[in-house]
Protein backbone atom coordinates (compact mmCIF):
# COMPACT_ATOMS: atom_id res chain seq x y z
CA UNK A 1 0.00 0.00 0.00
CA UNK A 2 1.41 3.41 -0.93
CA UNK A 3 2.66 5.67 1.85
CA UNK A 4 2.14 9.27 2.93
CA UNK A 5 4.19 10.81 0.13
CA UNK A 6 2.17 9.05 -2.57
CA UNK A 7 -1.20 10.15 -1.17
CA UNK A 8 0.04 13.69 -0.60
CA UNK A 9 1.36 13.90 -4.17
CA UNK A 10 -1.87 12.46 -5.60
CA UNK A 11 -3.93 14.97 -3.60
CA UNK A 12 -1.74 17.82 -4.85
CA UNK A 13 -2.13 16.62 -8.45
CA UNK A 14 -5.91 16.38 -8.09
CA UNK A 15 -6.01 19.84 -6.53
CA UNK A 16 -3.78 21.47 -9.13
CA UNK A 17 -5.58 19.87 -12.06
CA UNK A 18 -8.93 20.84 -10.53
CA UNK A 19 -7.94 24.49 -10.34
CA UNK A 20 -6.49 24.37 -13.87
CA UNK A 21 -9.69 22.78 -15.18
CA UNK A 22 -11.83 25.38 -13.43
CA UNK A 23 -9.85 28.17 -15.08
CA UNK A 24 -9.90 26.42 -18.45
CA UNK A 25 -13.65 25.91 -18.19
CA UNK A 26 -14.18 29.62 -17.97
CA UNK A 27 -11.42 30.98 -20.22
CA UNK A 28 -10.50 28.25 -22.70
CA UNK A 29 -13.65 26.15 -23.13
CA UNK A 30 -15.81 29.29 -22.81
CA UNK A 31 -18.61 27.44 -21.04
CA UNK A 32 -21.76 29.50 -20.85
CA UNK A 33 -24.36 29.61 -18.07
CA UNK A 34 -26.12 26.33 -18.84
CA UNK A 35 -26.33 22.71 -17.75
CA UNK A 36 -22.90 21.91 -19.20
CA UNK A 37 -21.22 24.59 -17.12
CA UNK A 38 -23.08 23.42 -14.02
CA UNK A 39 -21.99 19.83 -14.62
CA UNK A 40 -18.42 20.93 -15.25
CA UNK A 41 -18.18 22.93 -12.03
CA UNK A 42 -19.84 20.09 -10.14
CA UNK A 43 -16.99 17.81 -11.27
CA UNK A 44 -14.36 20.42 -10.41
CA UNK A 45 -15.88 20.98 -6.96
CA UNK A 46 -15.86 17.26 -6.15
CA UNK A 47 -12.30 16.92 -7.43
CA UNK A 48 -10.93 19.79 -5.35
CA UNK A 49 -12.94 18.91 -2.24
CA UNK A 50 -11.67 15.33 -2.24
CA UNK A 51 -8.11 16.49 -3.06
CA UNK A 52 -8.14 18.52 0.15
CA UNK A 53 -9.54 15.55 2.05
CA UNK A 54 -6.87 13.21 0.63
CA UNK A 55 -4.16 15.67 1.61
CA UNK A 56 -5.37 15.58 5.22
CA UNK A 57 -5.76 11.81 5.21
CA UNK A 58 -2.21 11.39 3.88
CA UNK A 59 -1.00 12.35 7.36
CA UNK A 60 -3.23 9.70 8.96
CA UNK A 61 -2.37 6.88 6.55
CA UNK A 62 -0.42 4.81 9.09
CA UNK A 63 -3.21 4.85 11.67
CA UNK A 64 -5.62 2.28 10.32
CA UNK A 65 -6.62 -0.01 7.50
CA UNK A 66 -9.83 2.04 7.27
CA UNK A 67 -7.92 5.24 6.52
CA UNK A 68 -5.86 3.49 3.84
CA UNK A 69 -9.04 1.99 2.34
CA UNK A 70 -10.66 5.44 2.36
CA UNK A 71 -7.69 6.95 0.51
CA UNK A 72 -7.87 4.24 -2.12
CA UNK A 73 -11.63 4.65 -2.51
CA UNK A 74 -11.44 8.46 -2.72
CA UNK A 75 -8.64 8.36 -5.29
CA UNK A 76 -10.56 5.91 -7.48
CA UNK A 77 -13.76 7.87 -6.92
CA UNK A 78 -12.26 11.16 -8.06
CA UNK A 79 -10.67 9.55 -11.09
CA UNK A 80 -13.84 7.74 -12.20
CA UNK A 81 -16.58 10.14 -11.05
CA UNK A 82 -14.97 13.41 -12.08
CA UNK A 83 -13.26 11.84 -15.08
CA UNK A 84 -16.58 10.40 -16.18
CA UNK A 85 -18.23 13.81 -15.97
CA UNK A 86 -15.40 15.41 -17.96
CA UNK A 87 -15.73 12.69 -20.62
CA UNK A 88 -19.50 13.22 -20.73
CA UNK A 89 -19.01 16.94 -21.28
CA UNK A 90 -16.36 16.54 -23.96
CA UNK A 91 -17.60 13.53 -25.95
CA UNK A 92 -21.18 13.07 -24.75
CA UNK A 93 -22.52 9.65 -23.79
CA UNK A 94 -20.05 6.94 -24.71
CA UNK A 95 -19.23 3.38 -23.78
CA UNK A 96 -17.39 4.85 -20.78
CA UNK A 97 -20.46 6.53 -19.29
CA UNK A 98 -20.76 3.75 -16.71
CA UNK A 99 -17.62 4.96 -14.90
CA UNK A 100 -19.37 8.01 -13.43
CA UNK A 101 -21.77 6.14 -11.10
CA UNK A 102 -19.03 3.64 -10.24
CA UNK A 103 -16.82 6.57 -9.25
CA UNK A 104 -19.65 8.01 -7.15
CA UNK A 105 -19.95 4.66 -5.40
CA UNK A 106 -16.22 4.74 -4.61
CA UNK A 107 -16.62 8.22 -3.09
CA UNK A 108 -19.46 6.97 -0.89
CA UNK A 109 -17.36 3.94 0.08
CA UNK A 110 -14.50 6.23 1.10
CA UNK A 111 -16.79 8.14 3.45
CA UNK A 112 -18.17 4.88 4.88
CA UNK A 113 -14.59 3.76 5.58
CA UNK A 114 -14.05 6.96 7.56
CA UNK A 115 -17.30 6.41 9.48
CA UNK A 116 -16.04 2.94 10.46
CA UNK A 117 -12.67 4.39 11.46
CA UNK A 118 -14.36 7.08 13.55
CA UNK A 119 -16.66 4.56 15.23
CA UNK A 120 -13.66 2.41 16.14
CA UNK A 121 -11.91 5.43 17.64
CA UNK A 122 -14.96 6.08 19.83
CA UNK A 123 -14.83 2.51 21.16
CA UNK A 124 -11.25 2.92 22.41
C-alpha atoms as a PDB file:
ATOM      1  CA  UNK A   1       0.000   0.000   0.000  1.00  0.00           C
ATOM      2  CA  UNK A   2       1.411   3.413  -0.934  1.00  0.00           C
ATOM      3  CA  UNK A   3       2.664   5.666   1.849  1.00  0.00           C
ATOM      4  CA  UNK A   4       2.142   9.267   2.931  1.00  0.00           C
ATOM      5  CA  UNK A   5       4.194  10.806   0.131  1.00  0.00           C
ATOM      6  CA  UNK A   6       2.167   9.045  -2.567  1.00  0.00           C
ATOM      7  CA  UNK A   7      -1.201  10.151  -1.173  1.00  0.00           C
ATOM      8  CA  UNK A   8       0.041  13.692  -0.596  1.00  0.00           C
ATOM      9  CA  UNK A   9       1.363  13.897  -4.174  1.00  0.00           C
ATOM     10  CA  UNK A  10      -1.872  12.460  -5.603  1.00  0.00           C
ATOM     11  CA  UNK A  11      -3.930  14.968  -3.605  1.00  0.00           C
ATOM     12  CA  UNK A  12      -1.742  17.820  -4.850  1.00  0.00           C
ATOM     13  CA  UNK A  13      -2.126  16.622  -8.455  1.00  0.00           C
ATOM     14  CA  UNK A  14      -5.907  16.375  -8.088  1.00  0.00           C
ATOM     15  CA  UNK A  15      -6.014  19.839  -6.533  1.00  0.00           C
ATOM     16  CA  UNK A  16      -3.779  21.475  -9.131  1.00  0.00           C
ATOM     17  CA  UNK A  17      -5.584  19.870 -12.060  1.00  0.00           C
ATOM     18  CA  UNK A  18      -8.933  20.838 -10.530  1.00  0.00           C
ATOM     19  CA  UNK A  19      -7.938  24.493 -10.339  1.00  0.00           C
ATOM     20  CA  UNK A  20      -6.495  24.371 -13.868  1.00  0.00           C
ATOM     21  CA  UNK A  21      -9.689  22.776 -15.184  1.00  0.00           C
ATOM     22  CA  UNK A  22     -11.833  25.382 -13.427  1.00  0.00           C
ATOM     23  CA  UNK A  23      -9.846  28.169 -15.081  1.00  0.00           C
ATOM     24  CA  UNK A  24      -9.896  26.423 -18.453  1.00  0.00           C
ATOM     25  CA  UNK A  25     -13.645  25.906 -18.190  1.00  0.00           C
ATOM     26  CA  UNK A  26     -14.180  29.619 -17.973  1.00  0.00           C
ATOM     27  CA  UNK A  27     -11.425  30.979 -20.216  1.00  0.00           C
ATOM     28  CA  UNK A  28     -10.505  28.251 -22.704  1.00  0.00           C
ATOM     29  CA  UNK A  29     -13.649  26.152 -23.129  1.00  0.00           C
ATOM     30  CA  UNK A  30     -15.811  29.294 -22.806  1.00  0.00           C
ATOM     31  CA  UNK A  31     -18.614  27.444 -21.035  1.00  0.00           C
ATOM     32  CA  UNK A  32     -21.764  29.499 -20.845  1.00  0.00           C
ATOM     33  CA  UNK A  33     -24.365  29.610 -18.065  1.00  0.00           C
ATOM     34  CA  UNK A  34     -26.117  26.329 -18.836  1.00  0.00           C
ATOM     35  CA  UNK A  35     -26.331  22.712 -17.755  1.00  0.00           C
ATOM     36  CA  UNK A  36     -22.898  21.912 -19.202  1.00  0.00           C
ATOM     37  CA  UNK A  37     -21.224  24.589 -17.117  1.00  0.00           C
ATOM     38  CA  UNK A  38     -23.080  23.422 -14.023  1.00  0.00           C
ATOM     39  CA  UNK A  39     -21.989  19.831 -14.621  1.00  0.00           C
ATOM     40  CA  UNK A  40     -18.418  20.932 -15.247  1.00  0.00           C
ATOM     41  CA  UNK A  41     -18.178  22.930 -12.033  1.00  0.00           C
ATOM     42  CA  UNK A  42     -19.839  20.088 -10.142  1.00  0.00           C
ATOM     43  CA  UNK A  43     -16.994  17.807 -11.271  1.00  0.00           C
ATOM     44  CA  UNK A  44     -14.360  20.425 -10.414  1.00  0.00           C
ATOM     45  CA  UNK A  45     -15.884  20.981  -6.957  1.00  0.00           C
ATOM     46  CA  UNK A  46     -15.862  17.261  -6.152  1.00  0.00           C
ATOM     47  CA  UNK A  47     -12.303  16.923  -7.429  1.00  0.00           C
ATOM     48  CA  UNK A  48     -10.926  19.790  -5.348  1.00  0.00           C
ATOM     49  CA  UNK A  49     -12.945  18.905  -2.237  1.00  0.00           C
ATOM     50  CA  UNK A  50     -11.667  15.333  -2.244  1.00  0.00           C
ATOM     51  CA  UNK A  51      -8.113  16.491  -3.063  1.00  0.00           C
ATOM     52  CA  UNK A  52      -8.139  18.521   0.151  1.00  0.00           C
ATOM     53  CA  UNK A  53      -9.537  15.551   2.054  1.00  0.00           C
ATOM     54  CA  UNK A  54      -6.865  13.215   0.630  1.00  0.00           C
ATOM     55  CA  UNK A  55      -4.160  15.675   1.615  1.00  0.00           C
ATOM     56  CA  UNK A  56      -5.368  15.580   5.220  1.00  0.00           C
ATOM     57  CA  UNK A  57      -5.759  11.810   5.211  1.00  0.00           C
ATOM     58  CA  UNK A  58      -2.213  11.386   3.884  1.00  0.00           C
ATOM     59  CA  UNK A  59      -0.995  12.353   7.359  1.00  0.00           C
ATOM     60  CA  UNK A  60      -3.235   9.702   8.955  1.00  0.00           C
ATOM     61  CA  UNK A  61      -2.374   6.875   6.550  1.00  0.00           C
ATOM     62  CA  UNK A  62      -0.423   4.814   9.089  1.00  0.00           C
ATOM     63  CA  UNK A  63      -3.211   4.850  11.668  1.00  0.00           C
ATOM     64  CA  UNK A  64      -5.616   2.280  10.319  1.00  0.00           C
ATOM     65  CA  UNK A  65      -6.625  -0.014   7.500  1.00  0.00           C
ATOM     66  CA  UNK A  66      -9.832   2.043   7.267  1.00  0.00           C
ATOM     67  CA  UNK A  67      -7.920   5.243   6.522  1.00  0.00           C
ATOM     68  CA  UNK A  68      -5.862   3.492   3.842  1.00  0.00           C
ATOM     69  CA  UNK A  69      -9.038   1.992   2.344  1.00  0.00           C
ATOM     70  CA  UNK A  70     -10.664   5.441   2.358  1.00  0.00           C
ATOM     71  CA  UNK A  71      -7.691   6.947   0.514  1.00  0.00           C
ATOM     72  CA  UNK A  72      -7.869   4.237  -2.116  1.00  0.00           C
ATOM     73  CA  UNK A  73     -11.633   4.649  -2.509  1.00  0.00           C
ATOM     74  CA  UNK A  74     -11.437   8.455  -2.718  1.00  0.00           C
ATOM     75  CA  UNK A  75      -8.638   8.361  -5.287  1.00  0.00           C
ATOM     76  CA  UNK A  76     -10.558   5.914  -7.475  1.00  0.00           C
ATOM     77  CA  UNK A  77     -13.762   7.868  -6.917  1.00  0.00           C
ATOM     78  CA  UNK A  78     -12.262  11.164  -8.057  1.00  0.00           C
ATOM     79  CA  UNK A  79     -10.674   9.547 -11.086  1.00  0.00           C
ATOM     80  CA  UNK A  80     -13.840   7.739 -12.196  1.00  0.00           C
ATOM     81  CA  UNK A  81     -16.581  10.135 -11.048  1.00  0.00           C
ATOM     82  CA  UNK A  82     -14.966  13.413 -12.077  1.00  0.00           C
ATOM     83  CA  UNK A  83     -13.261  11.840 -15.080  1.00  0.00           C
ATOM     84  CA  UNK A  84     -16.582  10.399 -16.184  1.00  0.00           C
ATOM     85  CA  UNK A  85     -18.228  13.811 -15.971  1.00  0.00           C
ATOM     86  CA  UNK A  86     -15.401  15.409 -17.961  1.00  0.00           C
ATOM     87  CA  UNK A  87     -15.726  12.688 -20.620  1.00  0.00           C
ATOM     88  CA  UNK A  88     -19.497  13.216 -20.727  1.00  0.00           C
ATOM     89  CA  UNK A  89     -19.014  16.943 -21.282  1.00  0.00           C
ATOM     90  CA  UNK A  90     -16.364  16.540 -23.955  1.00  0.00           C
ATOM     91  CA  UNK A  91     -17.595  13.532 -25.949  1.00  0.00           C
ATOM     92  CA  UNK A  92     -21.178  13.069 -24.748  1.00  0.00           C
ATOM     93  CA  UNK A  93     -22.524   9.652 -23.788  1.00  0.00           C
ATOM     94  CA  UNK A  94     -20.050   6.943 -24.705  1.00  0.00           C
ATOM     95  CA  UNK A  95     -19.229   3.383 -23.783  1.00  0.00           C
ATOM     96  CA  UNK A  96     -17.386   4.851 -20.779  1.00  0.00           C
ATOM     97  CA  UNK A  97     -20.464   6.529 -19.290  1.00  0.00           C
ATOM     98  CA  UNK A  98     -20.756   3.746 -16.715  1.00  0.00           C
ATOM     99  CA  UNK A  99     -17.621   4.956 -14.903  1.00  0.00           C
ATOM    100  CA  UNK A 100     -19.369   8.006 -13.430  1.00  0.00           C
ATOM    101  CA  UNK A 101     -21.769   6.141 -11.100  1.00  0.00           C
ATOM    102  CA  UNK A 102     -19.033   3.636 -10.241  1.00  0.00           C
ATOM    103  CA  UNK A 103     -16.822   6.565  -9.246  1.00  0.00           C
ATOM    104  CA  UNK A 104     -19.650   8.010  -7.146  1.00  0.00           C
ATOM    105  CA  UNK A 105     -19.952   4.665  -5.398  1.00  0.00           C
ATOM    106  CA  UNK A 106     -16.224   4.740  -4.613  1.00  0.00           C
ATOM    107  CA  UNK A 107     -16.617   8.219  -3.094  1.00  0.00           C
ATOM    108  CA  UNK A 108     -19.459   6.968  -0.893  1.00  0.00           C
ATOM    109  CA  UNK A 109     -17.360   3.938   0.083  1.00  0.00           C
ATOM    110  CA  UNK A 110     -14.499   6.232   1.098  1.00  0.00           C
ATOM    111  CA  UNK A 111     -16.794   8.142   3.451  1.00  0.00           C
ATOM    112  CA  UNK A 112     -18.172   4.880   4.878  1.00  0.00           C
ATOM    113  CA  UNK A 113     -14.594   3.764   5.579  1.00  0.00           C
ATOM    114  CA  UNK A 114     -14.050   6.965   7.555  1.00  0.00           C
ATOM    115  CA  UNK A 115     -17.296   6.412   9.478  1.00  0.00           C
ATOM    116  CA  UNK A 116     -16.038   2.945  10.462  1.00  0.00           C
ATOM    117  CA  UNK A 117     -12.668   4.390  11.457  1.00  0.00           C
ATOM    118  CA  UNK A 118     -14.363   7.085  13.553  1.00  0.00           C
ATOM    119  CA  UNK A 119     -16.663   4.557  15.229  1.00  0.00           C
ATOM    120  CA  UNK A 120     -13.664   2.410  16.143  1.00  0.00           C
ATOM    121  CA  UNK A 121     -11.914   5.427  17.641  1.00  0.00           C
ATOM    122  CA  UNK A 122     -14.964   6.081  19.832  1.00  0.00           C
ATOM    123  CA  UNK A 123     -14.827   2.507  21.161  1.00  0.00           C
ATOM    124  CA  UNK A 124     -11.247   2.921  22.414  1.00  0.00           C
END
